């Protein structure tokens, strides 16, 4: 069974940086899709950034030029470098990955940005 584990969240002042990591374990084979979503307090989960096995990536408009997604395909790991963090980036960040018809989710890591 696939398990995704996120790490790297925490409390940071506005303007600071964090690097989130997500590693998949429990099953052989690579994912054609990996990404990061977030859920701010009282709001719905939203896409932050994603990357495909082709290398193509996409970002939410609110994080473009501040966040960078990357992955290590052979390790089934995905990372999110977050710079110039803003208070509105405060959320639980979730890692997701997809293979064939299945998608998987981590349990999330809290990111809190203070004013």
Protein backbone atom coordinates (compact mmCIF):
# COMPACT_ATOMS: atom_id res chain seq x y z
CA UNK A 1 0.00 0.00 0.00
CA UNK A 2 1.32 3.41 -0.97
CA UNK A 3 2.04 5.84 1.82
CA UNK A 4 2.94 9.52 1.34
CA UNK A 5 4.68 11.31 4.18
CA UNK A 6 5.15 15.08 4.21
CA UNK A 7 7.69 17.00 6.24
CA UNK A 8 9.16 20.47 6.49
CA UNK A 9 6.19 22.49 7.69
CA UNK A 10 6.39 24.91 10.59
CA UNK A 11 6.03 28.47 11.79
CA UNK A 12 7.84 31.17 9.84
CA UNK A 13 7.59 34.98 9.70
CA UNK A 14 6.29 36.69 6.61
CA UNK A 15 9.01 36.91 4.00
CA UNK A 16 10.64 33.71 5.19
CA UNK A 17 11.14 30.39 3.44
CA UNK A 18 10.28 26.74 3.95
CA UNK A 19 11.04 23.62 1.96
CA UNK A 20 8.43 20.88 2.07
CA UNK A 21 9.29 17.29 1.26
CA UNK A 22 7.12 14.32 0.45
CA UNK A 23 8.32 10.76 0.08
CA UNK A 24 6.29 7.81 -1.12
CA UNK A 25 6.83 4.35 0.23
CA UNK A 26 5.17 0.97 0.17
CA UNK A 27 4.95 0.22 -3.51
CA UNK A 28 7.28 -0.13 -6.44
CA UNK A 29 6.84 1.89 -9.59
CA UNK A 30 6.79 5.57 -10.35
CA UNK A 31 3.99 8.12 -10.39
CA UNK A 32 3.05 10.01 -13.52
CA UNK A 33 1.77 12.88 -11.40
CA UNK A 34 2.86 14.41 -8.09
CA UNK A 35 1.74 17.64 -6.53
CA UNK A 36 1.00 19.81 -3.56
CA UNK A 37 -2.38 21.06 -2.43
CA UNK A 38 -3.24 23.20 0.55
CA UNK A 39 -6.25 23.87 2.71
CA UNK A 40 -6.36 27.23 4.49
CA UNK A 41 -8.45 27.47 7.67
CA UNK A 42 -12.15 27.38 6.85
CA UNK A 43 -11.54 27.03 3.11
CA UNK A 44 -11.51 24.27 0.52
CA UNK A 45 -8.44 22.41 -0.57
CA UNK A 46 -6.72 24.02 -3.54
CA UNK A 47 -3.93 23.18 -5.93
CA UNK A 48 -0.59 24.82 -5.18
CA UNK A 49 1.70 23.20 -7.74
CA UNK A 50 2.10 19.94 -9.59
CA UNK A 51 4.60 18.18 -11.79
CA UNK A 52 4.28 15.32 -14.25
CA UNK A 53 6.70 12.60 -15.22
CA UNK A 54 7.41 14.58 -18.41
CA UNK A 55 8.76 17.39 -16.26
CA UNK A 56 5.88 19.73 -17.03
CA UNK A 57 4.75 21.70 -14.00
CA UNK A 58 2.04 24.17 -13.15
CA UNK A 59 1.40 26.62 -10.34
CA UNK A 60 -1.47 28.48 -8.77
CA UNK A 61 -1.32 32.15 -9.73
CA UNK A 62 -0.97 33.13 -6.08
CA UNK A 63 2.35 31.29 -5.71
CA UNK A 64 3.99 31.82 -9.08
CA UNK A 65 7.50 33.27 -8.83
CA UNK A 66 7.60 32.39 -5.11
CA UNK A 67 7.22 28.62 -4.99
CA UNK A 68 9.14 25.97 -6.92
CA UNK A 69 8.14 22.33 -7.24
CA UNK A 70 10.64 19.60 -8.02
CA UNK A 71 10.74 15.84 -7.89
CA UNK A 72 13.10 12.92 -7.81
CA UNK A 73 11.36 10.38 -9.95
CA UNK A 74 13.51 7.43 -9.04
CA UNK A 75 12.85 8.10 -5.39
CA UNK A 76 9.18 9.00 -5.79
CA UNK A 77 9.77 12.19 -3.87
CA UNK A 78 8.45 15.68 -4.48
CA UNK A 79 9.55 18.95 -2.94
CA UNK A 80 8.11 22.44 -2.65
CA UNK A 81 10.48 25.32 -2.07
CA UNK A 82 8.47 28.22 -0.73
CA UNK A 83 10.05 31.68 -0.65
CA UNK A 84 8.74 35.09 0.35
CA UNK A 85 5.96 33.49 2.33
CA UNK A 86 2.86 35.50 3.06
CA UNK A 87 0.32 35.28 5.86
CA UNK A 88 -2.23 34.03 3.33
CA UNK A 89 -0.02 31.02 2.62
CA UNK A 90 -0.98 29.67 6.04
CA UNK A 91 -2.59 26.26 5.49
CA UNK A 92 -2.22 22.54 5.83
CA UNK A 93 -0.18 21.38 2.84
CA UNK A 94 -0.91 17.98 1.35
CA UNK A 95 1.17 15.88 -0.98
CA UNK A 96 -0.57 13.86 -3.66
CA UNK A 97 0.57 11.35 -6.24
CA UNK A 98 -1.13 9.41 -9.00
CA UNK A 99 -0.38 6.12 -10.72
CA UNK A 100 -2.65 4.43 -13.27
CA UNK A 101 -6.21 4.96 -11.97
CA UNK A 102 -5.23 5.50 -8.34
CA UNK A 103 -4.39 8.67 -6.49
CA UNK A 104 -2.87 8.91 -3.06
CA UNK A 105 -2.71 11.59 -0.38
CA UNK A 106 -0.51 12.33 2.58
CA UNK A 107 -1.83 13.41 5.95
CA UNK A 108 -0.59 16.95 5.56
CA UNK A 109 1.90 19.28 7.19
CA UNK A 110 1.00 22.59 8.80
CA UNK A 111 2.53 25.80 7.48
CA UNK A 112 1.90 28.91 9.53
CA UNK A 113 3.15 32.32 8.42
CA UNK A 114 3.10 35.05 11.04
CA UNK A 115 2.72 38.76 10.29
